[in-house]
Amino acid sequence: MREGDRYEHLVYWSDEDQCYIGRCPELMGGGVHGDDPEEVFRHLRQVVDEWVRLSRQDGIPLPEPKHALA
């Protein structure tokens, strides 16, 4: 399992933007967008993995995932 997969990934259609939006609200305020929901999800996973990698590299603590089991 990829460490980034522990975090919630959201992909939804935006009427305002007329495209799919991908977000990981637990880690970042921004997101990714595109016309194909599966491609948006793949890109989102890449961005989240990079976010996790850079955070670890820079010694920045990551939040505990909301849905982590105790």
N, C-alpha and C. Protein backbone atom coordinates (compact mmCIF):
# COMPACT_ATOMS: atom_id res chain seq x y z
N MET A 1 0.84 -1.18 0.00
CA MET A 1 0.00 0.00 0.00
C MET A 1 0.89 1.25 0.00
N ARG A 2 0.51 2.20 -0.79
CA ARG A 2 1.21 3.48 -0.80
C ARG A 2 0.79 4.28 0.43
N GLU A 3 1.74 4.99 1.03
CA GLU A 3 1.42 5.75 2.24
C GLU A 3 0.33 6.79 1.96
N GLY A 4 0.35 7.40 0.79
CA GLY A 4 -0.65 8.40 0.44
C GLY A 4 -2.05 7.85 0.36
N ASP A 5 -2.17 6.53 0.14
CA ASP A 5 -3.49 5.91 0.03
C ASP A 5 -4.24 5.89 1.37
N ARG A 6 -3.56 6.21 2.45
CA ARG A 6 -4.21 6.27 3.76
C ARG A 6 -5.12 7.48 3.88
N TYR A 7 -4.95 8.44 2.98
CA TYR A 7 -5.71 9.69 3.03
C TYR A 7 -6.88 9.66 2.06
N GLU A 8 -7.91 10.40 2.41
CA GLU A 8 -9.12 10.49 1.60
C GLU A 8 -8.81 11.18 0.26
N HIS A 9 -9.24 10.55 -0.83
CA HIS A 9 -9.11 11.09 -2.17
C HIS A 9 -10.52 11.33 -2.71
N LEU A 10 -10.80 12.54 -3.13
CA LEU A 10 -12.12 12.89 -3.65
C LEU A 10 -12.01 13.27 -5.12
N VAL A 11 -12.89 12.71 -5.92
CA VAL A 11 -13.01 13.12 -7.33
C VAL A 11 -14.49 13.38 -7.57
N TYR A 12 -14.79 14.58 -8.07
CA TYR A 12 -16.18 14.95 -8.30
C TYR A 12 -16.28 15.88 -9.49
N TRP A 13 -17.48 15.94 -10.06
CA TRP A 13 -17.76 16.83 -11.18
C TRP A 13 -18.07 18.22 -10.65
N SER A 14 -17.50 19.24 -11.26
CA SER A 14 -17.78 20.62 -10.90
C SER A 14 -18.54 21.30 -12.03
N ASP A 15 -19.81 21.64 -11.77
CA ASP A 15 -20.57 22.37 -12.77
C ASP A 15 -19.93 23.73 -13.06
N GLU A 16 -19.42 24.35 -12.03
CA GLU A 16 -18.80 25.67 -12.19
C GLU A 16 -17.59 25.62 -13.12
N ASP A 17 -16.75 24.60 -12.94
CA ASP A 17 -15.53 24.48 -13.74
C ASP A 17 -15.70 23.64 -14.99
N GLN A 18 -16.82 22.90 -15.07
CA GLN A 18 -17.09 22.01 -16.20
C GLN A 18 -15.98 20.98 -16.40
N CYS A 19 -15.54 20.41 -15.28
CA CYS A 19 -14.54 19.34 -15.33
C CYS A 19 -14.58 18.59 -14.01
N TYR A 20 -13.84 17.50 -13.96
CA TYR A 20 -13.70 16.74 -12.72
C TYR A 20 -12.59 17.36 -11.88
N ILE A 21 -12.82 17.41 -10.59
CA ILE A 21 -11.87 17.95 -9.63
C ILE A 21 -11.42 16.81 -8.72
N GLY A 22 -10.13 16.73 -8.47
CA GLY A 22 -9.59 15.75 -7.53
C GLY A 22 -8.92 16.48 -6.38
N ARG A 23 -9.27 16.09 -5.15
CA ARG A 23 -8.72 16.74 -3.97
C ARG A 23 -8.36 15.72 -2.90
N CYS A 24 -7.40 16.10 -2.07
CA CYS A 24 -7.05 15.35 -0.86
C CYS A 24 -7.04 16.37 0.28
N PRO A 25 -8.22 16.66 0.83
CA PRO A 25 -8.35 17.77 1.77
C PRO A 25 -7.53 17.63 3.05
N GLU A 26 -7.16 16.42 3.42
CA GLU A 26 -6.38 16.24 4.64
C GLU A 26 -4.94 16.72 4.48
N LEU A 27 -4.46 16.77 3.24
CA LEU A 27 -3.05 17.13 3.00
C LEU A 27 -2.86 18.48 2.33
N MET A 28 -3.75 18.83 1.40
CA MET A 28 -3.48 20.03 0.62
C MET A 28 -4.75 20.78 0.27
N GLY A 29 -4.61 22.08 0.11
CA GLY A 29 -5.76 22.91 -0.20
C GLY A 29 -6.13 22.88 -1.66
N GLY A 30 -5.16 22.70 -2.53
CA GLY A 30 -5.43 22.68 -3.96
C GLY A 30 -5.81 21.30 -4.44
N GLY A 31 -5.75 21.11 -5.73
CA GLY A 31 -6.11 19.81 -6.29
C GLY A 31 -5.72 19.72 -7.75
N VAL A 32 -6.31 18.75 -8.41
CA VAL A 32 -6.06 18.52 -9.83
C VAL A 32 -7.40 18.53 -10.55
N HIS A 33 -7.36 18.64 -11.85
CA HIS A 33 -8.63 18.66 -12.60
C HIS A 33 -8.41 18.07 -13.99
N GLY A 34 -9.53 17.69 -14.63
CA GLY A 34 -9.46 17.13 -15.97
C GLY A 34 -10.82 16.64 -16.43
N ASP A 35 -10.84 16.12 -17.66
CA ASP A 35 -12.08 15.68 -18.28
C ASP A 35 -12.44 14.22 -17.99
N ASP A 36 -11.49 13.42 -17.56
CA ASP A 36 -11.71 12.00 -17.33
C ASP A 36 -11.52 11.70 -15.85
N PRO A 37 -12.56 11.18 -15.17
CA PRO A 37 -12.45 10.98 -13.72
C PRO A 37 -11.36 9.98 -13.32
N GLU A 38 -11.12 8.96 -14.13
CA GLU A 38 -10.08 7.99 -13.78
C GLU A 38 -8.69 8.60 -13.92
N GLU A 39 -8.51 9.42 -14.94
CA GLU A 39 -7.23 10.10 -15.12
C GLU A 39 -7.01 11.11 -14.00
N VAL A 40 -8.05 11.81 -13.60
CA VAL A 40 -7.94 12.76 -12.48
C VAL A 40 -7.55 12.00 -11.21
N PHE A 41 -8.14 10.83 -10.98
CA PHE A 41 -7.79 10.04 -9.79
C PHE A 41 -6.33 9.59 -9.84
N ARG A 42 -5.88 9.12 -11.00
CA ARG A 42 -4.47 8.70 -11.13
C ARG A 42 -3.53 9.87 -10.86
N HIS A 43 -3.85 11.02 -11.44
CA HIS A 43 -3.01 12.20 -11.23
C HIS A 43 -3.04 12.63 -9.77
N LEU A 44 -4.19 12.58 -9.14
CA LEU A 44 -4.30 12.93 -7.73
C LEU A 44 -3.42 12.02 -6.89
N ARG A 45 -3.44 10.73 -7.16
CA ARG A 45 -2.58 9.80 -6.41
C ARG A 45 -1.11 10.16 -6.57
N GLN A 46 -0.71 10.55 -7.77
CA GLN A 46 0.69 10.94 -8.00
C GLN A 46 1.04 12.19 -7.19
N VAL A 47 0.14 13.17 -7.19
CA VAL A 47 0.38 14.40 -6.45
C VAL A 47 0.45 14.12 -4.95
N VAL A 48 -0.45 13.30 -4.44
CA VAL A 48 -0.45 12.96 -3.02
C VAL A 48 0.84 12.21 -2.67
N ASP A 49 1.25 11.26 -3.50
CA ASP A 49 2.50 10.54 -3.24
C ASP A 49 3.68 11.50 -3.19
N GLU A 50 3.71 12.46 -4.09
CA GLU A 50 4.80 13.44 -4.11
C GLU A 50 4.74 14.33 -2.87
N TRP A 51 3.54 14.72 -2.46
CA TRP A 51 3.36 15.52 -1.25
C TRP A 51 3.92 14.78 -0.04
N VAL A 52 3.57 13.50 0.08
CA VAL A 52 4.05 12.68 1.20
C VAL A 52 5.57 12.56 1.14
N ARG A 53 6.10 12.28 -0.04
CA ARG A 53 7.55 12.11 -0.20
C ARG A 53 8.30 13.37 0.21
N LEU A 54 7.84 14.52 -0.29
CA LEU A 54 8.52 15.78 0.02
C LEU A 54 8.38 16.15 1.50
N SER A 55 7.22 15.86 2.08
CA SER A 55 7.04 16.12 3.52
C SER A 55 8.02 15.29 4.33
N ARG A 56 8.13 14.02 4.01
CA ARG A 56 9.07 13.14 4.72
C ARG A 56 10.50 13.63 4.51
N GLN A 57 10.85 13.98 3.29
CA GLN A 57 12.19 14.44 2.95
C GLN A 57 12.56 15.70 3.74
N ASP A 58 11.59 16.60 3.90
CA ASP A 58 11.83 17.88 4.58
C ASP A 58 11.56 17.82 6.08
N GLY A 59 11.19 16.65 6.59
CA GLY A 59 10.94 16.48 8.02
C GLY A 59 9.65 17.13 8.50
N ILE A 60 8.72 17.34 7.59
CA ILE A 60 7.43 17.93 7.95
C ILE A 60 6.47 16.82 8.36
N PRO A 61 5.93 16.88 9.57
CA PRO A 61 5.01 15.81 10.00
C PRO A 61 3.72 15.84 9.20
N LEU A 62 3.24 14.66 8.90
CA LEU A 62 1.97 14.51 8.19
C LEU A 62 0.84 14.31 9.20
N PRO A 63 -0.35 14.80 8.89
CA PRO A 63 -1.46 14.58 9.82
C PRO A 63 -1.88 13.11 9.82
N GLU A 64 -2.45 12.69 10.92
CA GLU A 64 -3.01 11.35 10.98
C GLU A 64 -4.24 11.32 10.08
N PRO A 65 -4.37 10.30 9.22
CA PRO A 65 -5.55 10.23 8.36
C PRO A 65 -6.84 10.19 9.19
N LYS A 66 -7.86 10.87 8.70
CA LYS A 66 -9.16 10.91 9.40
C LYS A 66 -9.74 9.52 9.61
N HIS A 67 -9.53 8.66 8.65
CA HIS A 67 -10.18 7.36 8.68
C HIS A 67 -9.26 6.25 9.20
N ALA A 68 -8.18 6.63 9.87
CA ALA A 68 -7.27 5.62 10.40
C ALA A 68 -7.95 4.84 11.53
N LEU A 69 -7.77 3.57 11.48
CA LEU A 69 -8.36 2.72 12.53
C LEU A 69 -7.45 2.72 13.74
N ALA A 70 -8.03 2.77 14.88
CA ALA A 70 -7.25 2.78 16.13
C ALA A 70 -6.87 1.36 16.52
